[in-house]
Amino acid sequence: QVQLVESGGGSVQAGGSMRLSCAPSGTIDSGYWMGWFRQPPGKEREGVATLASDGSTRYTDAVKGRFSISKDNAKMTLYLQMDNLTPEDTAIYYCAAGYPRGRGLLSATSWSHAIWGQGTQVTVSS
């Protein structure tokens, strides 16, 4: 079964930048939508950014203007460029690929049938 593998997490000081990558372990449907989600300590998983098959993007308000989602179509690798990081961005970041359905693109529930990665920790210190 194909899996998604995230990389690029780590620790950074507030104001710094980080780029996450998410690559499939095998071939996935080129029409899949893809997205980044995060789970802060003690909180539920939340949507960060999504990328539709037509290239349209959506961001949660907390990251607009600071984060950018993109994809290398040839490699089916998803990226999340994160700039001006704050301690509130500290979380485990997950990527997902599939066909979201239900209650909004930024709801993790809408991606319950998608392929998920194992997550990568991002820690931002003040």
PDB file of N, CA and C in Angstrom:
ATOM      1  N   GLN A   1       0.841  -1.194   0.000  1.00  0.00           N
ATOM      2  CA  GLN A   1       0.000   0.000   0.000  1.00  0.00           C
ATOM      3  C   GLN A   1       0.874   1.242   0.000  1.00  0.00           C
ATOM      4  N   VAL A   2       0.508   2.211  -0.846  1.00  0.00           N
ATOM      5  CA  VAL A   2       1.292   3.432  -0.951  1.00  0.00           C
ATOM      6  C   VAL A   2       1.159   4.259   0.314  1.00  0.00           C
ATOM      7  N   GLN A   3       2.272   4.827   0.744  1.00  0.00           N
ATOM      8  CA  GLN A   3       2.271   5.707   1.903  1.00  0.00           C
ATOM      9  C   GLN A   3       2.845   7.056   1.496  1.00  0.00           C
ATOM     10  N   LEU A   4       2.573   8.048   2.329  1.00  0.00           N
ATOM     11  CA  LEU A   4       3.162   9.371   2.161  1.00  0.00           C
ATOM     12  C   LEU A   4       4.227   9.553   3.224  1.00  0.00           C
ATOM     13  N   VAL A   5       5.339  10.130   2.844  1.00  0.00           N
ATOM     14  CA  VAL A   5       6.452  10.316   3.766  1.00  0.00           C
ATOM     15  C   VAL A   5       6.792  11.792   3.848  1.00  0.00           C
ATOM     16  N   GLU A   6       6.592  12.360   5.036  1.00  0.00           N
ATOM     17  CA  GLU A   6       6.926  13.765   5.260  1.00  0.00           C
ATOM     18  C   GLU A   6       8.378  13.895   5.714  1.00  0.00           C
ATOM     19  N   SER A   7       8.980  15.011   5.395  1.00  0.00           N
ATOM     20  CA  SER A   7      10.329  15.318   5.855  1.00  0.00           C
ATOM     21  C   SER A   7      10.493  16.827   5.950  1.00  0.00           C
ATOM     22  N   GLY A   8      11.561  17.248   6.622  1.00  0.00           N
ATOM     23  CA  GLY A   8      11.866  18.671   6.705  1.00  0.00           C
ATOM     24  C   GLY A   8      11.521  19.322   8.026  1.00  0.00           C
ATOM     25  N   GLY A   9      10.925  18.575   8.931  1.00  0.00           N
ATOM     26  CA  GLY A   9      10.592  19.155  10.224  1.00  0.00           C
ATOM     27  C   GLY A   9      11.826  19.341  11.084  1.00  0.00           C
ATOM     28  N   GLY A  10      11.626  19.958  12.232  1.00  0.00           N
ATOM     29  CA  GLY A  10      12.732  20.205  13.149  1.00  0.00           C
ATOM     30  C   GLY A  10      12.410  21.353  14.073  1.00  0.00           C
ATOM     31  N   SER A  11      13.458  21.973  14.579  1.00  0.00           N
ATOM     32  CA  SER A  11      13.293  23.092  15.501  1.00  0.00           C
ATOM     33  C   SER A  11      13.848  24.366  14.883  1.00  0.00           C
ATOM     34  N   VAL A  12      13.161  25.455  15.148  1.00  0.00           N
ATOM     35  CA  VAL A  12      13.576  26.747  14.612  1.00  0.00           C
ATOM     36  C   VAL A  12      13.130  27.830  15.583  1.00  0.00           C
ATOM     37  N   GLN A  13      13.814  28.951  15.551  1.00  0.00           N
ATOM     38  CA  GLN A  13      13.404  30.076  16.393  1.00  0.00           C
ATOM     39  C   GLN A  13      12.308  30.876  15.713  1.00  0.00           C
ATOM     40  N   ALA A  14      11.554  31.564  16.506  1.00  0.00           N
ATOM     41  CA  ALA A  14      10.486  32.412  15.976  1.00  0.00           C
ATOM     42  C   ALA A  14      11.044  33.382  14.942  1.00  0.00           C
ATOM     43  N   GLY A  15      10.306  33.546  13.867  1.00  0.00           N
ATOM     44  CA  GLY A  15      10.749  34.396  12.773  1.00  0.00           C
ATOM     45  C   GLY A  15      11.495  33.652  11.689  1.00  0.00           C
ATOM     46  N   GLY A  16      11.845  32.407  11.970  1.00  0.00           N
ATOM     47  CA  GLY A  16      12.580  31.609  11.010  1.00  0.00           C
ATOM     48  C   GLY A  16      11.687  30.968   9.967  1.00  0.00           C
ATOM     49  N   SER A  17      12.315  30.194   9.092  1.00  0.00           N
ATOM     50  CA  SER A  17      11.613  29.528   7.999  1.00  0.00           C
ATOM     51  C   SER A  17      11.927  28.039   7.988  1.00  0.00           C
ATOM     52  N   MET A  18      11.037  27.304   7.341  1.00  0.00           N
ATOM     53  CA  MET A  18      11.221  25.856   7.228  1.00  0.00           C
ATOM     54  C   MET A  18      10.424  25.391   6.016  1.00  0.00           C
ATOM     55  N   ARG A  19      10.909  24.361   5.324  1.00  0.00           N
ATOM     56  CA  ARG A  19      10.155  23.795   4.217  1.00  0.00           C
ATOM     57  C   ARG A  19       9.937  22.323   4.463  1.00  0.00           C
ATOM     58  N   LEU A  20       8.685  21.928   4.420  1.00  0.00           N
ATOM     59  CA  LEU A  20       8.310  20.530   4.559  1.00  0.00           C
ATOM     60  C   LEU A  20       8.095  19.917   3.184  1.00  0.00           C
ATOM     61  N   SER A  21       8.406  18.633   3.086  1.00  0.00           N
ATOM     62  CA  SER A  21       8.178  17.887   1.857  1.00  0.00           C
ATOM     63  C   SER A  21       7.342  16.659   2.167  1.00  0.00           C
ATOM     64  N   CYS A  22       6.600  16.208   1.178  1.00  0.00           N
ATOM     65  CA  CYS A  22       5.764  15.015   1.327  1.00  0.00           C
ATOM     66  C   CYS A  22       5.810  14.261   0.020  1.00  0.00           C
ATOM     67  N   ALA A  23       6.378  13.058   0.061  1.00  0.00           N
ATOM     68  CA  ALA A  23       6.514  12.274  -1.162  1.00  0.00           C
ATOM     69  C   ALA A  23       5.842  10.914  -1.000  1.00  0.00           C
ATOM     70  N   PRO A  24       5.205  10.422  -2.046  1.00  0.00           N
ATOM     71  CA  PRO A  24       4.586   9.104  -1.971  1.00  0.00           C
ATOM     72  C   PRO A  24       5.635   8.006  -2.120  1.00  0.00           C
ATOM     73  N   SER A  25       5.387   6.866  -1.480  1.00  0.00           N
ATOM     74  CA  SER A  25       6.317   5.734  -1.575  1.00  0.00           C
ATOM     75  C   SER A  25       6.142   4.974  -2.878  1.00  0.00           C
ATOM     76  N   GLY A  26       5.061   5.266  -3.600  1.00  0.00           N
ATOM     77  CA  GLY A  26       4.795   4.630  -4.878  1.00  0.00           C
ATOM     78  C   GLY A  26       3.945   5.538  -5.741  1.00  0.00           C
ATOM     79  N   THR A  27       3.281   4.960  -6.713  1.00  0.00           N
ATOM     80  CA  THR A  27       2.457   5.745  -7.627  1.00  0.00           C
ATOM     81  C   THR A  27       1.096   6.036  -7.009  1.00  0.00           C
ATOM     82  N   ILE A  28       0.689   7.284  -7.094  1.00  0.00           N
ATOM     83  CA  ILE A  28      -0.646   7.665  -6.638  1.00  0.00           C
ATOM     84  C   ILE A  28      -1.382   8.348  -7.791  1.00  0.00           C
ATOM     85  N   ASP A  29      -2.677   8.431  -7.656  1.00  0.00           N
ATOM     86  CA  ASP A  29      -3.529   9.046  -8.674  1.00  0.00           C
ATOM     87  C   ASP A  29      -3.099  10.493  -8.894  1.00  0.00           C
ATOM     88  N   SER A  30      -2.782  10.843 -10.142  1.00  0.00           N
ATOM     89  CA  SER A  30      -2.325  12.202 -10.436  1.00  0.00           C
ATOM     90  C   SER A  30      -3.427  13.236 -10.229  1.00  0.00           C
ATOM     91  N   GLY A  31      -4.646  12.798 -10.118  1.00  0.00           N
ATOM     92  CA  GLY A  31      -5.753  13.714  -9.899  1.00  0.00           C
ATOM     93  C   GLY A  31      -6.052  13.983  -8.437  1.00  0.00           C
ATOM     94  N   TYR A  32      -5.305  13.332  -7.557  1.00  0.00           N
ATOM     95  CA  TYR A  32      -5.537  13.518  -6.124  1.00  0.00           C
ATOM     96  C   TYR A  32      -5.367  14.981  -5.722  1.00  0.00           C
ATOM     97  N   TRP A  33      -6.219  15.420  -4.839  1.00  0.00           N
ATOM     98  CA  TRP A  33      -5.993  16.668  -4.144  1.00  0.00           C
ATOM     99  C   TRP A  33      -4.998  16.345  -3.027  1.00  0.00           C
ATOM    100  N   MET A  34      -4.260  17.367  -2.599  1.00  0.00           N
ATOM    101  CA  MET A  34      -3.301  17.140  -1.526  1.00  0.00           C
ATOM    102  C   MET A  34      -3.394  18.272  -0.506  1.00  0.00           C
ATOM    103  N   GLY A  35      -2.991  17.972   0.706  1.00  0.00           N
ATOM    104  CA  GLY A  35      -3.119  18.988   1.738  1.00  0.00           C
ATOM    105  C   GLY A  35      -2.149  18.783   2.885  1.00  0.00           C
ATOM    106  N   TRP A  36      -1.943  19.843   3.618  1.00  0.00           N
ATOM    107  CA  TRP A  36      -1.150  19.827   4.844  1.00  0.00           C
ATOM    108  C   TRP A  36      -2.068  20.090   6.030  1.00  0.00           C
ATOM    109  N   PHE A  37      -1.857  19.326   7.065  1.00  0.00           N
ATOM    110  CA  PHE A  37      -2.622  19.463   8.293  1.00  0.00           C
ATOM    111  C   PHE A  37      -1.631  19.488   9.453  1.00  0.00           C
ATOM    112  N   ARG A  38      -2.086  19.949  10.602  1.00  0.00           N
ATOM    113  CA  ARG A  38      -1.210  19.938  11.765  1.00  0.00           C
ATOM    114  C   ARG A  38      -2.002  19.660  13.030  1.00  0.00           C
ATOM    115  N   GLN A  39      -1.316  19.117  14.000  1.00  0.00           N
ATOM    116  CA  GLN A  39      -1.940  18.836  15.283  1.00  0.00           C
ATOM    117  C   GLN A  39      -1.067  19.403  16.381  1.00  0.00           C
ATOM    118  N   PRO A  40      -1.465  20.560  16.923  1.00  0.00           N
ATOM    119  CA  PRO A  40      -0.715  21.154  18.035  1.00  0.00           C
ATOM    120  C   PRO A  40      -0.867  20.293  19.286  1.00  0.00           C
ATOM    121  N   PRO A  41       0.040  20.425  20.237  1.00  0.00           N
ATOM    122  CA  PRO A  41      -0.055  19.634  21.475  1.00  0.00           C
ATOM    123  C   PRO A  41      -1.402  19.823  22.165  1.00  0.00           C
ATOM    124  N   GLY A  42      -2.070  18.737  22.458  1.00  0.00           N
ATOM    125  CA  GLY A  42      -3.323  18.785  23.183  1.00  0.00           C
ATOM    126  C   GLY A  42      -4.517  19.269  22.390  1.00  0.00           C
ATOM    127  N   LYS A  43      -4.356  19.421  21.082  1.00  0.00           N
ATOM    128  CA  LYS A  43      -5.450  19.925  20.257  1.00  0.00           C
ATOM    129  C   LYS A  43      -5.776  18.947  19.133  1.00  0.00           C
ATOM    130  N   GLU A  44      -6.880  19.209  18.459  1.00  0.00           N
ATOM    131  CA  GLU A  44      -7.284  18.360  17.353  1.00  0.00           C
ATOM    132  C   GLU A  44      -6.506  18.716  16.085  1.00  0.00           C
ATOM    133  N   ARG A  45      -6.499  17.781  15.165  1.00  0.00           N
ATOM    134  CA  ARG A  45      -5.851  18.013  13.881  1.00  0.00           C
ATOM    135  C   ARG A  45      -6.635  19.066  13.100  1.00  0.00           C
ATOM    136  N   GLU A  46      -5.916  19.997  12.484  1.00  0.00           N
ATOM    137  CA  GLU A  46      -6.549  21.085  11.751  1.00  0.00           C
ATOM    138  C   GLU A  46      -5.912  21.251  10.390  1.00  0.00           C
ATOM    139  N   GLY A  47      -6.691  21.765   9.454  1.00  0.00           N
ATOM    140  CA  GLY A  47      -6.166  21.999   8.127  1.00  0.00           C
ATOM    141  C   GLY A  47      -5.280  23.227   8.080  1.00  0.00           C
ATOM    142  N   VAL A  48      -4.214  23.145   7.303  1.00  0.00           N
ATOM    143  CA  VAL A  48      -3.296  24.263   7.132  1.00  0.00           C
ATOM    144  C   VAL A  48      -3.417  24.827   5.716  1.00  0.00           C
ATOM    145  N   ALA A  49      -3.291  23.966   4.733  1.00  0.00           N
ATOM    146  CA  ALA A  49      -3.352  24.396   3.332  1.00  0.00           C
ATOM    147  C   ALA A  49      -3.717  23.203   2.465  1.00  0.00           C
ATOM    148  N   THR A  50      -4.471  23.482   1.412  1.00  0.00           N
ATOM    149  CA  THR A  50      -4.837  22.420   0.481  1.00  0.00           C
ATOM    150  C   THR A  50      -4.546  22.866  -0.946  1.00  0.00           C
ATOM    151  N   LEU A  51      -4.327  21.873  -1.798  1.00  0.00           N
ATOM    152  CA  LEU A  51      -4.032  22.116  -3.206  1.00  0.00           C
ATOM    153  C   LEU A  51      -4.912  21.199  -4.032  1.00  0.00           C
ATOM    154  N   ALA A  52      -5.801  21.799  -4.787  1.00  0.00           N
ATOM    155  CA  ALA A  52      -6.729  21.017  -5.601  1.00  0.00           C
ATOM    156  C   ALA A  52      -6.065  20.564  -6.892  1.00  0.00           C
ATOM    157  N   SER A  53      -6.721  19.634  -7.573  1.00  0.00           N
ATOM    158  CA  SER A  53      -6.164  19.100  -8.813  1.00  0.00           C
ATOM    159  C   SER A  53      -6.070  20.161  -9.907  1.00  0.00           C
ATOM    160  N   ASP A  54      -6.867  21.240  -9.778  1.00  0.00           N
ATOM    161  CA  ASP A  54      -6.787  22.317 -10.770  1.00  0.00           C
ATOM    162  C   ASP A  54      -5.776  23.385 -10.388  1.00  0.00           C
ATOM    163  N   GLY A  55      -5.055  23.159  -9.296  1.00  0.00           N
ATOM    164  CA  GLY A  55      -4.035  24.090  -8.855  1.00  0.00           C
ATOM    165  C   GLY A  55      -4.493  25.144  -7.884  1.00  0.00           C
ATOM    166  N   SER A  56      -5.777  25.195  -7.601  1.00  0.00           N
ATOM    167  CA  SER A  56      -6.269  26.187  -6.653  1.00  0.00           C
ATOM    168  C   SER A  56      -5.847  25.812  -5.233  1.00  0.00           C
ATOM    169  N   THR A  57      -5.637  26.824  -4.431  1.00  0.00           N
ATOM    170  CA  THR A  57      -5.154  26.608  -3.067  1.00  0.00           C
ATOM    171  C   THR A  57      -6.106  27.229  -2.054  1.00  0.00           C
ATOM    172  N   ARG A  58      -6.002  26.733  -0.847  1.00  0.00           N
ATOM    173  CA  ARG A  58      -6.770  27.294   0.261  1.00  0.00           C
ATOM    174  C   ARG A  58      -5.900  27.212   1.502  1.00  0.00           C
ATOM    175  N   TYR A  59      -5.959  28.283   2.307  1.00  0.00           N
ATOM    176  CA  TYR A  59      -5.165  28.348   3.521  1.00  0.00           C
ATOM    177  C   TYR A  59      -6.040  28.695   4.708  1.00  0.00           C
ATOM    178  N   THR A  60      -5.676  28.164   5.841  1.00  0.00           N
ATOM    179  CA  THR A  60      -6.348  28.592   7.047  1.00  0.00           C
ATOM    180  C   THR A  60      -5.880  30.016   7.376  1.00  0.00           C
ATOM    181  N   ASP A  61      -6.737  30.808   7.994  1.00  0.00           N
ATOM    182  CA  ASP A  61      -6.436  32.223   8.208  1.00  0.00           C
ATOM    183  C   ASP A  61      -5.127  32.433   8.964  1.00  0.00           C
ATOM    184  N   ALA A  62      -4.809  31.534   9.884  1.00  0.00           N
ATOM    185  CA  ALA A  62      -3.638  31.719  10.739  1.00  0.00           C
ATOM    186  C   ALA A  62      -2.314  31.692   9.982  1.00  0.00           C
ATOM    187  N   VAL A  63      -2.305  31.134   8.768  1.00  0.00           N
ATOM    188  CA  VAL A  63      -1.046  31.015   8.037  1.00  0.00           C
ATOM    189  C   VAL A  63      -1.027  31.826   6.752  1.00  0.00           C
ATOM    190  N   LYS A  64      -2.120  32.479   6.417  1.00  0.00           N
ATOM    191  CA  LYS A  64      -2.174  33.252   5.177  1.00  0.00           C
ATOM    192  C   LYS A  64      -1.077  34.317   5.157  1.00  0.00           C
ATOM    193  N   GLY A  65      -0.374  34.400   4.050  1.00  0.00           N
ATOM    194  CA  GLY A  65       0.698  35.370   3.915  1.00  0.00           C
ATOM    195  C   GLY A  65       2.034  34.883   4.451  1.00  0.00           C
ATOM    196  N   ARG A  66       2.036  33.759   5.162  1.00  0.00           N
ATOM    197  CA  ARG A  66       3.278  33.220   5.731  1.00  0.00           C
ATOM    198  C   ARG A  66       3.634  31.856   5.159  1.00  0.00           C
ATOM    199  N   PHE A  67       2.648  31.035   4.845  1.00  0.00           N
ATOM    200  CA  PHE A  67       2.873  29.690   4.341  1.00  0.00           C
ATOM    201  C   PHE A  67       2.478  29.622   2.865  1.00  0.00           C
ATOM    202  N   SER A  68       3.148  28.724   2.136  1.00  0.00           N
ATOM    203  CA  SER A  68       2.832  28.528   0.728  1.00  0.00           C
ATOM    204  C   SER A  68       2.897  27.041   0.393  1.00  0.00           C
ATOM    205  N   ILE A  69       1.819  26.545  -0.205  1.00  0.00           N
ATOM    206  CA  ILE A  69       1.756  25.147  -0.601  1.00  0.00           C
ATOM    207  C   ILE A  69       2.048  25.035  -2.095  1.00  0.00           C
ATOM    208  N   SER A  70       2.806  24.010  -2.474  1.00  0.00           N
ATOM    209  CA  SER A  70       3.124  23.812  -3.882  1.00  0.00           C
ATOM    210  C   SER A  70       3.398  22.333  -4.127  1.00  0.00           C
ATOM    211  N   LYS A  71       3.484  21.972  -5.384  1.00  0.00           N
ATOM    212  CA  LYS A  71       3.689  20.579  -5.724  1.00  0.00           C
ATOM    213  C   LYS A  71       4.558  20.434  -6.956  1.00  0.00           C
ATOM    214  N   ASP A  72       5.444  19.462  -6.932  1.00  0.00           N
ATOM    215  CA  ASP A  72       6.207  19.055  -8.118  1.00  0.00           C
ATOM    216  C   ASP A  72       5.411  17.937  -8.760  1.00  0.00           C
ATOM    217  N   ASN A  73       4.740  18.236  -9.872  1.00  0.00           N
ATOM    218  CA  ASN A  73       3.840  17.264 -10.478  1.00  0.00           C
ATOM    219  C   ASN A  73       4.575  16.025 -10.993  1.00  0.00           C
ATOM    220  N   ALA A  74       5.787  16.209 -11.447  1.00  0.00           N
ATOM    221  CA  ALA A  74       6.533  15.075 -11.973  1.00  0.00           C
ATOM    222  C   ALA A  74       6.848  14.067 -10.868  1.00  0.00           C
ATOM    223  N   LYS A  75       7.131  14.579  -9.685  1.00  0.00           N
ATOM    224  CA  LYS A  75       7.470  13.704  -8.561  1.00  0.00           C
ATOM    225  C   LYS A  75       6.283  13.455  -7.645  1.00  0.00           C
ATOM    226  N   MET A  76       5.168  14.157  -7.906  1.00  0.00           N
ATOM    227  CA  MET A  76       3.999  14.095  -7.021  1.00  0.00           C
ATOM    228  C   MET A  76       4.405  14.411  -5.593  1.00  0.00           C
ATOM    229  N   THR A  77       5.373  15.285  -5.447  1.00  0.00           N
ATOM    230  CA  THR A  77       5.851  15.682  -4.133  1.00  0.00           C
ATOM    231  C   THR A  77       5.245  17.016  -3.743  1.00  0.00           C
ATOM    232  N   LEU A  78       4.703  17.059  -2.551  1.00  0.00           N
ATOM    233  CA  LEU A  78       4.046  18.241  -2.022  1.00  0.00           C
ATOM    234  C   LEU A  78       4.997  18.983  -1.099  1.00  0.00           C
ATOM    235  N   TYR A  79       4.929  20.303  -1.133  1.00  0.00           N
ATOM    236  CA  TYR A  79       5.784  21.121  -0.280  1.00  0.00           C
ATOM    237  C   TYR A  79       4.943  22.102   0.533  1.00  0.00           C
ATOM    238  N   LEU A  80       5.503  22.493   1.656  1.00  0.00           N
ATOM    239  CA  LEU A  80       4.913  23.577   2.440  1.00  0.00           C
ATOM    240  C   LEU A  80       6.051  24.483   2.878  1.00  0.00           C
ATOM    241  N   GLN A  81       6.125  25.651   2.275  1.00  0.00           N
ATOM    242  CA  GLN A  81       7.101  26.653   2.674  1.00  0.00           C
ATOM    243  C   GLN A  81       6.511  27.475   3.802  1.00  0.00           C
ATOM    244  N   MET A  82       7.195  27.501   4.924  1.00  0.00           N
ATOM    245  CA  MET A  82       6.694  28.196   6.100  1.00  0.00           C
ATOM    246  C   MET A  82       7.672  29.309   6.473  1.00  0.00           C
ATOM    247  N   ASP A  83       7.213  30.523   6.443  1.00  0.00           N
ATOM    248  CA  ASP A  83       8.034  31.680   6.782  1.00  0.00           C
ATOM    249  C   ASP A  83       7.465  32.400   7.991  1.00  0.00           C
ATOM    250  N   ASN A  84       8.318  33.207   8.631  1.00  0.00           N
ATOM    251  CA  ASN A  84       7.893  33.991   9.788  1.00  0.00           C
ATOM    252  C   ASN A  84       7.165  33.109  10.809  1.00  0.00           C
ATOM    253  N   LEU A  85       7.781  32.015  11.145  1.00  0.00           N
ATOM    254  CA  LEU A  85       7.161  31.063  12.065  1.00  0.00           C
ATOM    255  C   LEU A  85       7.018  31.646  13.470  1.00  0.00           C
ATOM    256  N   THR A  86       5.968  31.230  14.143  1.00  0.00           N
ATOM    257  CA  THR A  86       5.713  31.641  15.523  1.00  0.00           C
ATOM    258  C   THR A  86       5.561  30.392  16.393  1.00  0.00           C
ATOM    259  N   PRO A  87       5.688  30.542  17.707  1.00  0.00           N
ATOM    260  CA  PRO A  87       5.499  29.378  18.592  1.00  0.00           C
ATOM    261  C   PRO A  87       4.138  28.706  18.402  1.00  0.00           C
ATOM    262  N   GLU A  88       3.143  29.462  17.967  1.00  0.00           N
ATOM    263  CA  GLU A  88       1.810  28.896  17.741  1.00  0.00           C
ATOM    264  C   GLU A  88       1.784  27.926  16.558  1.00  0.00           C
ATOM    265  N   ASP A  89       2.831  27.919  15.758  1.00  0.00           N
ATOM    266  CA  ASP A  89       2.927  26.974  14.639  1.00  0.00           C
ATOM    267  C   ASP A  89       3.486  25.625  15.070  1.00  0.00           C
ATOM    268  N   THR A  90       3.901  25.515  16.309  1.00  0.00           N
ATOM    269  CA  THR A  90       4.422  24.256  16.821  1.00  0.00           C
ATOM    270  C   THR A  90       3.356  23.171  16.754  1.00  0.00           C
ATOM    271  N   ALA A  91       3.678  22.066  16.101  1.00  0.00           N
ATOM    272  CA  ALA A  91       2.703  20.991  15.908  1.00  0.00           C
ATOM    273  C   ALA A  91       3.370  19.835  15.169  1.00  0.00           C
ATOM    274  N   ILE A  92       2.658  18.731  15.100  1.00  0.00           N
ATOM    275  CA  ILE A  92       3.022  17.660  14.182  1.00  0.00           C
ATOM    276  C   ILE A  92       2.308  17.965  12.867  1.00  0.00           C
ATOM    277  N   TYR A  93       3.053  18.008  11.800  1.00  0.00           N
ATOM    278  CA  TYR A  93       2.493  18.324  10.495  1.00  0.00           C
ATOM    279  C   TYR A  93       2.338  17.039   9.677  1.00  0.00           C
ATOM    280  N   TYR A  94       1.162  16.890   9.089  1.00  0.00           N
ATOM    281  CA  TYR A  94       0.823  15.729   8.282  1.00  0.00           C
ATOM    282  C   TYR A  94       0.438  16.158   6.875  1.00  0.00           C
ATOM    283  N   CYS A  95       0.724  15.316   5.907  1.00  0.00           N
ATOM    284  CA  CYS A  95       0.212  15.555   4.564  1.00  0.00           C
ATOM    285  C   CYS A  95      -0.797  14.461   4.234  1.00  0.00           C
ATOM    286  N   ALA A  96      -1.674  14.787   3.310  1.00  0.00           N
ATOM    287  CA  ALA A  96      -2.717  13.862   2.895  1.00  0.00           C
ATOM    288  C   ALA A  96      -2.925  13.984   1.393  1.00  0.00           C
ATOM    289  N   ALA A  97      -3.349  12.892   0.786  1.00  0.00           N
ATOM    290  CA  ALA A  97      -3.640  12.880  -0.653  1.00  0.00           C
ATOM    291  C   ALA A  97      -4.886  12.062  -0.891  1.00  0.00           C
ATOM    292  N   GLY A  98      -5.795  12.619  -1.696  1.00  0.00           N
ATOM    293  CA  GLY A  98      -7.024  11.895  -1.983  1.00  0.00           C
ATOM    294  C   GLY A  98      -8.075  12.808  -2.542  1.00  0.00           C
ATOM    295  N   TYR A  99      -9.329  12.403  -2.357  1.00  0.00           N
ATOM    296  CA  TYR A  99     -10.477  13.185  -2.811  1.00  0.00           C
ATOM    297  C   TYR A  99     -11.305  13.570  -1.593  1.00  0.00           C
ATOM    298  N   PRO A 100     -11.083  14.784  -1.098  1.00  0.00           N
ATOM    299  CA  PRO A 100     -11.810  15.183   0.107  1.00  0.00           C
ATOM    300  C   PRO A 100     -13.311  15.286  -0.147  1.00  0.00           C
ATOM    301  N   ARG A 101     -14.072  14.996   0.846  1.00  0.00           N
ATOM    302  CA  ARG A 101     -15.517  15.106   0.723  1.00  0.00           C
ATOM    303  C   ARG A 101     -16.102  15.408   2.085  1.00  0.00           C
ATOM    304  N   GLY A 102     -17.142  16.190   2.081  1.00  0.00           N
ATOM    305  CA  GLY A 102     -17.810  16.481   3.341  1.00  0.00           C
ATOM    306  C   GLY A 102     -17.695  17.935   3.736  1.00  0.00           C
ATOM    307  N   ARG A 103     -17.264  18.157   4.951  1.00  0.00           N
ATOM    308  CA  ARG A 103     -17.432  19.449   5.587  1.00  0.00           C
ATOM    309  C   ARG A 103     -16.269  20.406   5.428  1.00  0.00           C
ATOM    310  N   GLY A 104     -15.859  20.671   4.196  1.00  0.00           N
ATOM    311  CA  GLY A 104     -14.851  21.698   3.977  1.00  0.00           C
ATOM    312  C   GLY A 104     -13.466  21.132   3.761  1.00  0.00           C
ATOM    313  N   LEU A 105     -12.733  21.784   2.886  1.00  0.00           N
ATOM    314  CA  LEU A 105     -11.405  21.302   2.517  1.00  0.00           C
ATOM    315  C   LEU A 105     -10.429  21.318   3.681  1.00  0.00           C
ATOM    316  N   LEU A 106     -10.599  22.224   4.613  1.00  0.00           N
ATOM    317  CA  LEU A 106      -9.654  22.343   5.716  1.00  0.00           C
ATOM    318  C   LEU A 106     -10.064  21.533   6.937  1.00  0.00           C
ATOM    319  N   SER A 107     -11.081  20.728   6.783  1.00  0.00           N
ATOM    320  CA  SER A 107     -11.485  19.841   7.861  1.00  0.00           C
ATOM    321  C   SER A 107     -10.830  18.486   7.651  1.00  0.00           C
ATOM    322  N   ALA A 108     -10.120  18.003   8.672  1.00  0.00           N
ATOM    323  CA  ALA A 108      -9.464  16.701   8.548  1.00  0.00           C
ATOM    324  C   ALA A 108     -10.471  15.587   8.304  1.00  0.00           C
ATOM    325  N   THR A 109     -11.678  15.786   8.792  1.00  0.00           N
ATOM    326  CA  THR A 109     -12.730  14.789   8.598  1.00  0.00           C
ATOM    327  C   THR A 109     -13.032  14.569   7.120  1.00  0.00           C
ATOM    328  N   SER A 110     -12.929  15.628   6.338  1.00  0.00           N
ATOM    329  CA  SER A 110     -13.195  15.531   4.901  1.00  0.00           C
ATOM    330  C   SER A 110     -12.168  14.671   4.183  1.00  0.00           C
ATOM    331  N   TRP A 111     -11.039  14.431   4.833  1.00  0.00           N
ATOM    332  CA  TRP A 111      -9.949  13.660   4.235  1.00  0.00           C
ATOM    333  C   TRP A 111      -9.805  12.289   4.901  1.00  0.00           C
ATOM    334  N   SER A 112     -10.849  11.837   5.556  1.00  0.00           N
ATOM    335  CA  SER A 112     -10.756  10.589   6.319  1.00  0.00           C
ATOM    336  C   SER A 112     -10.467   9.385   5.438  1.00  0.00           C
ATOM    337  N   HIS A 113     -10.791   9.457   4.159  1.00  0.00           N
ATOM    338  CA  HIS A 113     -10.557   8.341   3.245  1.00  0.00           C
ATOM    339  C   HIS A 113      -9.278   8.531   2.427  1.00  0.00           C
ATOM    340  N   ALA A 114      -8.519   9.570   2.750  1.00  0.00           N
ATOM    341  CA  ALA A 114      -7.305   9.876   1.999  1.00  0.00           C
ATOM    342  C   ALA A 114      -6.125   9.062   2.519  1.00  0.00           C
ATOM    343  N   ILE A 115      -5.036   9.131   1.794  1.00  0.00           N
ATOM    344  CA  ILE A 115      -3.771   8.564   2.252  1.00  0.00           C
ATOM    345  C   ILE A 115      -3.095   9.611   3.129  1.00  0.00           C
ATOM    346  N   TRP A 116      -2.608   9.195   4.292  1.00  0.00           N
ATOM    347  CA  TRP A 116      -1.968  10.122   5.221  1.00  0.00           C
ATOM    348  C   TRP A 116      -0.517   9.725   5.463  1.00  0.00           C
ATOM    349  N   GLY A 117       0.308  10.711   5.748  1.00  0.00           N
ATOM    350  CA  GLY A 117       1.667  10.449   6.164  1.00  0.00           C
ATOM    351  C   GLY A 117       1.748  10.214   7.661  1.00  0.00           C
ATOM    352  N   GLN A 118       2.943   9.931   8.134  1.00  0.00           N
ATOM    353  CA  GLN A 118       3.130   9.617   9.552  1.00  0.00           C
ATOM    354  C   GLN A 118       3.356  10.870  10.389  1.00  0.00           C
ATOM    355  N   GLY A 119       3.590  11.985   9.733  1.00  0.00           N
ATOM    356  CA  GLY A 119       3.763  13.247  10.446  1.00  0.00           C
ATOM    357  C   GLY A 119       5.217  13.602  10.689  1.00  0.00           C
ATOM    358  N   THR A 120       5.463  14.898  10.775  1.00  0.00           N
ATOM    359  CA  THR A 120       6.799  15.396  11.100  1.00  0.00           C
ATOM    360  C   THR A 120       6.657  16.539  12.102  1.00  0.00           C
ATOM    361  N   GLN A 121       7.493  16.532  13.115  1.00  0.00           N
ATOM    362  CA  GLN A 121       7.386  17.509  14.193  1.00  0.00           C
ATOM    363  C   GLN A 121       8.027  18.830  13.791  1.00  0.00           C
ATOM    364  N   VAL A 122       7.302  19.908  14.039  1.00  0.00           N
ATOM    365  CA  VAL A 122       7.829  21.261  13.861  1.00  0.00           C
ATOM    366  C   VAL A 122       7.734  21.966  15.203  1.00  0.00           C
ATOM    367  N   THR A 123       8.861  22.441  15.699  1.00  0.00           N
ATOM    368  CA  THR A 123       8.888  23.136  16.977  1.00  0.00           C
ATOM    369  C   THR A 123       9.482  24.518  16.775  1.00  0.00           C
ATOM    370  N   VAL A 124       8.727  25.534  17.191  1.00  0.00           N
ATOM    371  CA  VAL A 124       9.168  26.914  17.055  1.00  0.00           C
ATOM    372  C   VAL A 124       9.334  27.491  18.452  1.00  0.00           C
ATOM    373  N   SER A 125      10.522  27.939  18.755  1.00  0.00           N
ATOM    374  CA  SER A 125      10.802  28.499  20.078  1.00  0.00           C
ATOM    375  C   SER A 125      10.827  30.020  20.017  1.00  0.00           C
ATOM    376  N   SER A 126      10.446  30.609  21.136  1.00  0.00           N
ATOM    377  CA  SER A 126      10.395  32.084  21.187  1.00  0.00           C
ATOM    378  C   SER A 126      11.735  32.679  21.560  1.00  0.00           C
TER     379      SER A 126
END
